[in-house]
Amino acid sequence: MDLLVKARNKDEKSILILLHYFEPDMRSHSRYIKMPKEDALQSMRLAMIELFHHPPKPVADIHFPDLNIEKRD
C-alpha cells in the first residue's frame, strides 16, 4: 500500500516498481489485444500510470439523486 500511496503522489520509483510487478500479467493479457505486442503493453502501462495519478471514486461516494436510492451502512 505504501508504494501505491507514493505512486499516487507521482513518485517515479514507486511507479516503476508497481509497473514491474504487473509486467507479467500485462504480457499475458497483451496476447488478446489485436495490436502489436509492444503497443498493447505501452497502452496498459500508460493506463496504469493514469490510474495511479487519478484513481476512480469509490462506488459508495457516487450519488444518484434521481434514483431515490438510500445509502447503506
PDB file of N, CA and C in Angstrom:
ATOM      1  N   MET A   1       0.825  -1.195   0.000  1.00  0.00           N
ATOM      2  CA  MET A   1       0.000   0.000   0.000  1.00  0.00           C
ATOM      3  C   MET A   1       0.873   1.266   0.000  1.00  0.00           C
ATOM      4  N   ASP A   2       2.040   1.178   0.644  1.00  0.00           N
ATOM      5  CA  ASP A   2       2.928   2.344   0.660  1.00  0.00           C
ATOM      6  C   ASP A   2       3.344   2.732  -0.750  1.00  0.00           C
ATOM      7  N   LEU A   3       3.625   1.712  -1.574  1.00  0.00           N
ATOM      8  CA  LEU A   3       4.013   2.003  -2.964  1.00  0.00           C
ATOM      9  C   LEU A   3       2.882   2.696  -3.708  1.00  0.00           C
ATOM     10  N   LEU A   4       1.661   2.244  -3.487  1.00  0.00           N
ATOM     11  CA  LEU A   4       0.518   2.844  -4.172  1.00  0.00           C
ATOM     12  C   LEU A   4       0.325   4.293  -3.742  1.00  0.00           C
ATOM     13  N   VAL A   5       0.460   4.560  -2.461  1.00  0.00           N
ATOM     14  CA  VAL A   5       0.335   5.937  -1.965  1.00  0.00           C
ATOM     15  C   VAL A   5       1.417   6.811  -2.584  1.00  0.00           C
ATOM     16  N   LYS A   6       2.639   6.308  -2.621  1.00  0.00           N
ATOM     17  CA  LYS A   6       3.734   7.073  -3.219  1.00  0.00           C
ATOM     18  C   LYS A   6       3.509   7.274  -4.719  1.00  0.00           C
ATOM     19  N   ALA A   7       3.000   6.238  -5.400  1.00  0.00           N
ATOM     20  CA  ALA A   7       2.722   6.354  -6.835  1.00  0.00           C
ATOM     21  C   ALA A   7       1.646   7.398  -7.088  1.00  0.00           C
ATOM     22  N   ARG A   8       0.649   7.457  -6.210  1.00  0.00           N
ATOM     23  CA  ARG A   8      -0.403   8.470  -6.356  1.00  0.00           C
ATOM     24  C   ARG A   8       0.149   9.872  -6.171  1.00  0.00           C
ATOM     25  N   ASN A   9       1.242   9.972  -5.427  1.00  0.00           N
ATOM     26  CA  ASN A   9       1.918  11.263  -5.246  1.00  0.00           C
ATOM     27  C   ASN A   9       3.018  11.469  -6.282  1.00  0.00           C
ATOM     28  N   LYS A  10       2.973  10.675  -7.341  1.00  0.00           N
ATOM     29  CA  LYS A  10       3.842  10.803  -8.513  1.00  0.00           C
ATOM     30  C   LYS A  10       5.314  10.525  -8.213  1.00  0.00           C
ATOM     31  N   ASP A  11       5.564   9.584  -7.298  1.00  0.00           N
ATOM     32  CA  ASP A  11       6.931   9.149  -7.016  1.00  0.00           C
ATOM     33  C   ASP A  11       7.339   8.168  -8.123  1.00  0.00           C
ATOM     34  N   GLU A  12       8.309   8.563  -8.934  1.00  0.00           N
ATOM     35  CA  GLU A  12       8.686   7.777 -10.116  1.00  0.00           C
ATOM     36  C   GLU A  12       9.172   6.375  -9.774  1.00  0.00           C
ATOM     37  N   LYS A  13       9.971   6.255  -8.723  1.00  0.00           N
ATOM     38  CA  LYS A  13      10.496   4.944  -8.345  1.00  0.00           C
ATOM     39  C   LYS A  13       9.361   3.985  -7.971  1.00  0.00           C
ATOM     40  N   SER A  14       8.376   4.464  -7.232  1.00  0.00           N
ATOM     41  CA  SER A  14       7.233   3.626  -6.844  1.00  0.00           C
ATOM     42  C   SER A  14       6.424   3.202  -8.064  1.00  0.00           C
ATOM     43  N   ILE A  15       6.247   4.120  -8.991  1.00  0.00           N
ATOM     44  CA  ILE A  15       5.508   3.798 -10.217  1.00  0.00           C
ATOM     45  C   ILE A  15       6.232   2.705 -10.989  1.00  0.00           C
ATOM     46  N   LEU A  16       7.542   2.838 -11.121  1.00  0.00           N
ATOM     47  CA  LEU A  16       8.320   1.828 -11.847  1.00  0.00           C
ATOM     48  C   LEU A  16       8.270   0.466 -11.154  1.00  0.00           C
ATOM     49  N   ILE A  17       8.318   0.454  -9.836  1.00  0.00           N
ATOM     50  CA  ILE A  17       8.236  -0.811  -9.098  1.00  0.00           C
ATOM     51  C   ILE A  17       6.876  -1.474  -9.324  1.00  0.00           C
ATOM     52  N   LEU A  18       5.807  -0.684  -9.269  1.00  0.00           N
ATOM     53  CA  LEU A  18       4.463  -1.247  -9.491  1.00  0.00           C
ATOM     54  C   LEU A  18       4.299  -1.742 -10.928  1.00  0.00           C
ATOM     55  N   LEU A  19       4.797  -0.986 -11.891  1.00  0.00           N
ATOM     56  CA  LEU A  19       4.712  -1.431 -13.283  1.00  0.00           C
ATOM     57  C   LEU A  19       5.491  -2.726 -13.474  1.00  0.00           C
ATOM     58  N   HIS A  20       6.641  -2.829 -12.850  1.00  0.00           N
ATOM     59  CA  HIS A  20       7.444  -4.053 -12.937  1.00  0.00           C
ATOM     60  C   HIS A  20       6.689  -5.230 -12.306  1.00  0.00           C
ATOM     61  N   TYR A  21       6.006  -4.981 -11.198  1.00  0.00           N
ATOM     62  CA  TYR A  21       5.237  -6.027 -10.522  1.00  0.00           C
ATOM     63  C   TYR A  21       4.133  -6.579 -11.427  1.00  0.00           C
ATOM     64  N   PHE A  22       3.459  -5.694 -12.157  1.00  0.00           N
ATOM     65  CA  PHE A  22       2.336  -6.109 -13.003  1.00  0.00           C
ATOM     66  C   PHE A  22       2.753  -6.516 -14.417  1.00  0.00           C
ATOM     67  N   GLU A  23       4.016  -6.375 -14.754  1.00  0.00           N
ATOM     68  CA  GLU A  23       4.502  -6.677 -16.105  1.00  0.00           C
ATOM     69  C   GLU A  23       4.137  -8.087 -16.583  1.00  0.00           C
ATOM     70  N   PRO A  24       4.322  -9.147 -15.778  1.00  0.00           N
ATOM     71  CA  PRO A  24       3.946 -10.492 -16.264  1.00  0.00           C
ATOM     72  C   PRO A  24       2.459 -10.598 -16.623  1.00  0.00           C
ATOM     73  N   ASP A  25       1.602  -9.995 -15.822  1.00  0.00           N
ATOM     74  CA  ASP A  25       0.169 -10.021 -16.124  1.00  0.00           C
ATOM     75  C   ASP A  25      -0.143  -9.239 -17.400  1.00  0.00           C
ATOM     76  N   MET A  26       0.505  -8.098 -17.565  1.00  0.00           N
ATOM     77  CA  MET A  26       0.272  -7.299 -18.768  1.00  0.00           C
ATOM     78  C   MET A  26       0.750  -8.049 -20.013  1.00  0.00           C
ATOM     79  N   ARG A  27       1.879  -8.718 -19.917  1.00  0.00           N
ATOM     80  CA  ARG A  27       2.375  -9.512 -21.054  1.00  0.00           C
ATOM     81  C   ARG A  27       1.397 -10.632 -21.399  1.00  0.00           C
ATOM     82  N   SER A  28       0.871 -11.269 -20.380  1.00  0.00           N
ATOM     83  CA  SER A  28      -0.086 -12.344 -20.599  1.00  0.00           C
ATOM     84  C   SER A  28      -1.352 -11.819 -21.282  1.00  0.00           C
ATOM     85  N   HIS A  29      -1.871 -10.700 -20.794  1.00  0.00           N
ATOM     86  CA  HIS A  29      -3.104 -10.138 -21.354  1.00  0.00           C
ATOM     87  C   HIS A  29      -2.896  -9.505 -22.725  1.00  0.00           C
ATOM     88  N   SER A  30      -1.676  -9.108 -23.031  1.00  0.00           N
ATOM     89  CA  SER A  30      -1.419  -8.464 -24.322  1.00  0.00           C
ATOM     90  C   SER A  30      -1.655  -9.421 -25.498  1.00  0.00           C
ATOM     91  N   ARG A  31      -1.640 -10.713 -25.234  1.00  0.00           N
ATOM     92  CA  ARG A  31      -1.883 -11.684 -26.314  1.00  0.00           C
ATOM     93  C   ARG A  31      -3.294 -11.563 -26.890  1.00  0.00           C
ATOM     94  N   TYR A  32      -4.219 -11.038 -26.100  1.00  0.00           N
ATOM     95  CA  TYR A  32      -5.617 -10.974 -26.518  1.00  0.00           C
ATOM     96  C   TYR A  32      -6.011  -9.632 -27.129  1.00  0.00           C
ATOM     97  N   ILE A  33      -5.062  -8.723 -27.227  1.00  0.00           N
ATOM     98  CA  ILE A  33      -5.331  -7.408 -27.797  1.00  0.00           C
ATOM     99  C   ILE A  33      -4.825  -7.400 -29.235  1.00  0.00           C
ATOM    100  N   LYS A  34      -5.691  -6.994 -30.132  1.00  0.00           N
ATOM    101  CA  LYS A  34      -5.344  -7.037 -31.560  1.00  0.00           C
ATOM    102  C   LYS A  34      -4.573  -5.790 -31.978  1.00  0.00           C
ATOM    103  N   MET A  35      -3.320  -5.744 -31.536  1.00  0.00           N
ATOM    104  CA  MET A  35      -2.371  -4.703 -31.949  1.00  0.00           C
ATOM    105  C   MET A  35      -0.990  -5.266 -31.646  1.00  0.00           C
ATOM    106  N   PRO A  36       0.046  -4.669 -32.182  1.00  0.00           N
ATOM    107  CA  PRO A  36       1.388  -5.171 -31.872  1.00  0.00           C
ATOM    108  C   PRO A  36       1.615  -5.249 -30.355  1.00  0.00           C
ATOM    109  N   LYS A  37       2.317  -6.287 -29.927  1.00  0.00           N
ATOM    110  CA  LYS A  37       2.501  -6.550 -28.501  1.00  0.00           C
ATOM    111  C   LYS A  37       3.068  -5.351 -27.743  1.00  0.00           C
ATOM    112  N   GLU A  38       4.102  -4.714 -28.279  1.00  0.00           N
ATOM    113  CA  GLU A  38       4.703  -3.575 -27.585  1.00  0.00           C
ATOM    114  C   GLU A  38       3.735  -2.402 -27.472  1.00  0.00           C
ATOM    115  N   ASP A  39       2.907  -2.193 -28.498  1.00  0.00           N
ATOM    116  CA  ASP A  39       1.906  -1.126 -28.428  1.00  0.00           C
ATOM    117  C   ASP A  39       0.871  -1.429 -27.353  1.00  0.00           C
ATOM    118  N   ALA A  40       0.448  -2.683 -27.268  1.00  0.00           N
ATOM    119  CA  ALA A  40      -0.522  -3.080 -26.247  1.00  0.00           C
ATOM    120  C   ALA A  40       0.064  -2.892 -24.848  1.00  0.00           C
ATOM    121  N   LEU A  41       1.319  -3.311 -24.679  1.00  0.00           N
ATOM    122  CA  LEU A  41       1.969  -3.152 -23.377  1.00  0.00           C
ATOM    123  C   LEU A  41       2.107  -1.677 -23.007  1.00  0.00           C
ATOM    124  N   GLN A  42       2.489  -0.866 -23.962  1.00  0.00           N
ATOM    125  CA  GLN A  42       2.645   0.566 -23.688  1.00  0.00           C
ATOM    126  C   GLN A  42       1.306   1.196 -23.326  1.00  0.00           C
ATOM    127  N   SER A  43       0.233   0.783 -23.984  1.00  0.00           N
ATOM    128  CA  SER A  43      -1.100   1.295 -23.660  1.00  0.00           C
ATOM    129  C   SER A  43      -1.501   0.908 -22.241  1.00  0.00           C
ATOM    130  N   MET A  44      -1.200  -0.337 -21.848  1.00  0.00           N
ATOM    131  CA  MET A  44      -1.530  -0.782 -20.500  1.00  0.00           C
ATOM    132  C   MET A  44      -0.701  -0.036 -19.455  1.00  0.00           C
ATOM    133  N   ARG A  45       0.568   0.187 -19.735  1.00  0.00           N
ATOM    134  CA  ARG A  45       1.418   0.936 -18.801  1.00  0.00           C
ATOM    135  C   ARG A  45       0.885   2.356 -18.601  1.00  0.00           C
ATOM    136  N   LEU A  46       0.533   2.993 -19.700  1.00  0.00           N
ATOM    137  CA  LEU A  46       0.003   4.350 -19.621  1.00  0.00           C
ATOM    138  C   LEU A  46      -1.306   4.381 -18.834  1.00  0.00           C
ATOM    139  N   ALA A  47      -2.181   3.406 -19.073  1.00  0.00           N
ATOM    140  CA  ALA A  47      -3.449   3.346 -18.343  1.00  0.00           C
ATOM    141  C   ALA A  47      -3.205   3.166 -16.847  1.00  0.00           C
ATOM    142  N   MET A  48      -2.231   2.347 -16.484  1.00  0.00           N
ATOM    143  CA  MET A  48      -1.924   2.153 -15.064  1.00  0.00           C
ATOM    144  C   MET A  48      -1.382   3.431 -14.433  1.00  0.00           C
ATOM    145  N   ILE A  49      -0.504   4.122 -15.139  1.00  0.00           N
ATOM    146  CA  ILE A  49       0.044   5.375 -14.616  1.00  0.00           C
ATOM    147  C   ILE A  49      -1.078   6.391 -14.418  1.00  0.00           C
ATOM    148  N   GLU A  50      -2.007   6.455 -15.362  1.00  0.00           N
ATOM    149  CA  GLU A  50      -3.142   7.366 -15.221  1.00  0.00           C
ATOM    150  C   GLU A  50      -4.011   6.990 -14.023  1.00  0.00           C
ATOM    151  N   LEU A  51      -4.183   5.678 -13.779  1.00  0.00           N
ATOM    152  CA  LEU A  51      -4.942   5.247 -12.602  1.00  0.00           C
ATOM    153  C   LEU A  51      -4.226   5.612 -11.305  1.00  0.00           C
ATOM    154  N   PHE A  52      -2.905   5.514 -11.299  1.00  0.00           N
ATOM    155  CA  PHE A  52      -2.155   5.905 -10.110  1.00  0.00           C
ATOM    156  C   PHE A  52      -2.352   7.392  -9.821  1.00  0.00           C
ATOM    157  N   HIS A  53      -2.320   8.208 -10.853  1.00  0.00           N
ATOM    158  CA  HIS A  53      -2.419   9.653 -10.675  1.00  0.00           C
ATOM    159  C   HIS A  53      -3.853  10.125 -10.431  1.00  0.00           C
ATOM    160  N   HIS A  54      -4.816   9.443 -11.031  1.00  0.00           N
ATOM    161  CA  HIS A  54      -6.226   9.850 -10.928  1.00  0.00           C
ATOM    162  C   HIS A  54      -7.082   8.628 -10.610  1.00  0.00           C
ATOM    163  N   PRO A  55      -7.053   8.144  -9.366  1.00  0.00           N
ATOM    164  CA  PRO A  55      -7.823   6.943  -9.033  1.00  0.00           C
ATOM    165  C   PRO A  55      -9.322   7.199  -9.155  1.00  0.00           C
ATOM    166  N   PRO A  56     -10.082   6.183  -9.557  1.00  0.00           N
ATOM    167  CA  PRO A  56     -11.531   6.356  -9.663  1.00  0.00           C
ATOM    168  C   PRO A  56     -12.146   6.526  -8.278  1.00  0.00           C
ATOM    169  N   LYS A  57     -13.308   7.157  -8.233  1.00  0.00           N
ATOM    170  CA  LYS A  57     -14.011   7.323  -6.964  1.00  0.00           C
ATOM    171  C   LYS A  57     -14.566   5.975  -6.507  1.00  0.00           C
ATOM    172  N   PRO A  58     -14.550   5.727  -5.200  1.00  0.00           N
ATOM    173  CA  PRO A  58     -15.208   4.501  -4.712  1.00  0.00           C
ATOM    174  C   PRO A  58     -16.697   4.549  -5.016  1.00  0.00           C
ATOM    175  N   VAL A  59     -17.279   3.420  -5.256  1.00  0.00           N
ATOM    176  CA  VAL A  59     -18.696   3.343  -5.627  1.00  0.00           C
ATOM    177  C   VAL A  59     -19.583   3.963  -4.550  1.00  0.00           C
ATOM    178  N   ALA A  60     -19.220   3.813  -3.291  1.00  0.00           N
ATOM    179  CA  ALA A  60     -20.033   4.350  -2.198  1.00  0.00           C
ATOM    180  C   ALA A  60     -20.116   5.875  -2.234  1.00  0.00           C
ATOM    181  N   ASP A  61     -19.164   6.540  -2.887  1.00  0.00           N
ATOM    182  CA  ASP A  61     -19.161   8.002  -2.952  1.00  0.00           C
ATOM    183  C   ASP A  61     -19.971   8.554  -4.115  1.00  0.00           C
ATOM    184  N   ILE A  62     -20.459   7.685  -4.978  1.00  0.00           N
ATOM    185  CA  ILE A  62     -21.230   8.138  -6.130  1.00  0.00           C
ATOM    186  C   ILE A  62     -22.678   8.354  -5.698  1.00  0.00           C
ATOM    187  N   HIS A  63     -23.241   9.486  -6.075  1.00  0.00           N
ATOM    188  CA  HIS A  63     -24.600   9.832  -5.661  1.00  0.00           C
ATOM    189  C   HIS A  63     -25.498   9.932  -6.896  1.00  0.00           C
ATOM    190  N   PHE A  64     -26.644   9.269  -6.834  1.00  0.00           N
ATOM    191  CA  PHE A  64     -27.626   9.290  -7.913  1.00  0.00           C
ATOM    192  C   PHE A  64     -28.912   9.907  -7.381  1.00  0.00           C
ATOM    193  N   PRO A  65     -29.040  11.230  -7.448  1.00  0.00           N
ATOM    194  CA  PRO A  65     -30.215  11.886  -6.835  1.00  0.00           C
ATOM    195  C   PRO A  65     -31.542  11.517  -7.475  1.00  0.00           C
ATOM    196  N   ASP A  66     -31.575  11.221  -8.748  1.00  0.00           N
ATOM    197  CA  ASP A  66     -32.836  10.938  -9.423  1.00  0.00           C
ATOM    198  C   ASP A  66     -33.346   9.529  -9.195  1.00  0.00           C
ATOM    199  N   LEU A  67     -32.511   8.649  -8.658  1.00  0.00           N
ATOM    200  CA  LEU A  67     -32.914   7.247  -8.493  1.00  0.00           C
ATOM    201  C   LEU A  67     -33.525   6.967  -7.124  1.00  0.00           C
ATOM    202  N   ASN A  68     -33.467   7.929  -6.214  1.00  0.00           N
ATOM    203  CA  ASN A  68     -34.065   7.785  -4.889  1.00  0.00           C
ATOM    204  C   ASN A  68     -33.538   6.528  -4.184  1.00  0.00           C
ATOM    205  N   ILE A  69     -32.216   6.344  -4.197  1.00  0.00           N
ATOM    206  CA  ILE A  69     -31.568   5.199  -3.570  1.00  0.00           C
ATOM    207  C   ILE A  69     -30.930   5.662  -2.272  1.00  0.00           C
ATOM    208  N   GLU A  70     -31.205   4.941  -1.195  1.00  0.00           N
ATOM    209  CA  GLU A  70     -30.618   5.293   0.098  1.00  0.00           C
ATOM    210  C   GLU A  70     -29.257   4.618   0.255  1.00  0.00           C
ATOM    211  N   LYS A  71     -28.337   5.307   0.896  1.00  0.00           N
ATOM    212  CA  LYS A  71     -27.016   4.759   1.142  1.00  0.00           C
ATOM    213  C   LYS A  71     -27.101   3.755   2.289  1.00  0.00           C
ATOM    214  N   ARG A  72     -26.511   2.567   2.071  1.00  0.00           N
ATOM    215  CA  ARG A  72     -26.492   1.542   3.117  1.00  0.00           C
ATOM    216  C   ARG A  72     -25.222   1.656   3.932  1.00  0.00           C
ATOM    217  N   ASP A  73     -25.311   1.304   5.199  1.00  0.00           N
ATOM    218  CA  ASP A  73     -24.128   1.336   6.081  1.00  0.00           C
ATOM    219  C   ASP A  73     -23.430   0.013   6.099  1.00  0.00           C
TER     220      ASP A  73
END
